[in-house]
Amino acid sequence: MVKVTFTLDDETVQKLRKIAERTKKPQSLVVREAVAHYAAREDKLTPEERERLLGVLDELGSKLPIRPREEVDRELRELRVARRSRGRLHPVD
């Protein structure tokens, strides 16, 4: 373990001591558990972030070109042929 020093406001220290006393845990353990709990939540999106990203996805989805399935299938076949022959799909000018 590494020993560190922090400066905390009085209210935070009172809360820390109260939790440590109530749970019968050392204050350092209470801090470690609090940091672990915060870190687990930190990777999750906030509701605002989630809404913003969903809006971006909706906007991008509405801009996707809609093509007939036959056209897509033909293009995929051409790409596969080009990859197998290690050639280009279209000649270079």
Protein backbone atom coordinates (compact mmCIF):
# COMPACT_ATOMS: atom_id res chain seq x y z
CA MET A 1 0.00 0.00 0.00
CA VAL A 2 1.02 3.59 -0.59
CA LYS A 3 0.53 6.28 2.00
CA VAL A 4 -0.94 9.52 0.63
CA THR A 5 -2.08 12.83 2.07
CA PHE A 6 -5.27 14.64 1.08
CA THR A 7 -6.87 17.86 2.18
CA LEU A 8 -10.59 17.49 2.77
CA ASP A 9 -13.21 19.97 3.93
CA ASP A 10 -14.66 19.59 7.41
CA GLU A 11 -18.00 18.26 6.21
CA THR A 12 -16.34 15.47 4.18
CA VAL A 13 -14.14 14.49 7.12
CA GLN A 14 -17.17 14.34 9.42
CA LYS A 15 -18.98 12.09 6.94
CA LEU A 16 -15.91 9.86 6.57
CA ARG A 17 -15.52 9.47 10.34
CA LYS A 18 -19.23 8.81 10.82
CA ILE A 19 -19.26 6.09 8.14
CA ALA A 20 -16.08 4.51 9.50
CA GLU A 21 -17.47 4.46 13.03
CA ARG A 22 -20.86 3.10 11.97
CA THR A 23 -19.41 0.37 9.73
CA LYS A 24 -16.51 -0.35 12.12
CA LYS A 25 -14.02 0.00 9.28
CA PRO A 26 -10.82 2.01 9.11
CA GLN A 27 -11.23 5.39 7.41
CA SER A 28 -8.69 4.37 4.78
CA LEU A 29 -10.85 1.35 3.86
CA VAL A 30 -13.94 3.56 3.60
CA VAL A 31 -12.02 5.85 1.21
CA ARG A 32 -10.74 2.89 -0.87
CA GLU A 33 -14.27 1.48 -1.14
CA ALA A 34 -15.65 4.90 -2.09
CA VAL A 35 -13.03 5.33 -4.81
CA ALA A 36 -13.71 1.81 -6.15
CA HIS A 37 -17.46 2.52 -6.20
CA TYR A 38 -16.91 5.83 -8.00
CA ALA A 39 -14.55 4.24 -10.52
CA ALA A 40 -17.13 1.55 -11.35
CA ARG A 41 -19.73 4.22 -12.12
CA GLU A 42 -17.34 6.54 -13.93
CA ASP A 43 -17.24 4.34 -17.06
CA LYS A 44 -21.00 4.57 -17.50
CA LEU A 45 -22.66 7.32 -19.52
CA THR A 46 -24.75 9.95 -17.79
CA PRO A 47 -28.37 10.20 -18.95
CA GLU A 48 -27.46 13.44 -20.78
CA GLU A 49 -24.52 11.78 -22.58
CA ARG A 50 -26.68 8.80 -23.50
CA GLU A 51 -29.40 11.06 -24.96
CA ARG A 52 -26.85 13.08 -26.93
CA LEU A 53 -25.23 9.98 -28.41
CA LEU A 54 -28.59 8.45 -29.29
CA GLY A 55 -29.48 11.69 -31.05
CA VAL A 56 -26.26 11.53 -33.06
CA LEU A 57 -26.98 7.92 -34.02
CA ASP A 58 -30.52 8.83 -35.09
CA GLU A 59 -29.18 11.67 -37.20
CA LEU A 60 -26.54 9.49 -38.84
CA GLY A 61 -29.06 6.71 -39.42
CA SER A 62 -31.36 9.05 -41.27
CA LYS A 63 -28.52 10.02 -43.60
CA LEU A 64 -27.66 6.47 -44.63
CA PRO A 65 -28.18 5.87 -48.33
CA ILE A 66 -30.92 3.41 -49.12
CA ARG A 67 -30.03 1.15 -52.05
CA PRO A 68 -31.75 -1.83 -53.55
CA ARG A 69 -30.53 -5.16 -52.20
CA GLU A 70 -29.53 -6.31 -55.69
CA GLU A 71 -27.18 -3.32 -56.04
CA VAL A 72 -25.54 -4.06 -52.69
CA ASP A 73 -25.17 -7.76 -53.51
CA ARG A 74 -23.58 -6.91 -56.89
CA GLU A 75 -21.11 -4.51 -55.26
CA LEU A 76 -20.17 -7.11 -52.63
CA ARG A 77 -19.56 -9.72 -55.34
CA GLU A 78 -17.31 -7.27 -57.20
CA LEU A 79 -15.37 -6.51 -54.04
CA ARG A 80 -14.86 -10.20 -53.29
CA VAL A 81 -13.60 -10.85 -56.84
CA ALA A 82 -11.22 -7.89 -56.58
CA ARG A 83 -9.86 -9.07 -53.21
CA ARG A 84 -9.33 -12.61 -54.43
CA SER A 85 -7.43 -11.39 -57.47
CA ARG A 86 -5.54 -8.83 -55.37
CA GLY A 87 -6.55 -6.33 -57.95
CA ARG A 88 -8.43 -3.12 -57.89
CA LEU A 89 -12.13 -2.75 -58.21
CA HIS A 90 -11.78 0.02 -60.75
CA PRO A 91 -8.79 0.80 -63.01
CA VAL A 92 -6.59 3.72 -61.98
CA ASP A 93 -6.38 6.60 -64.48
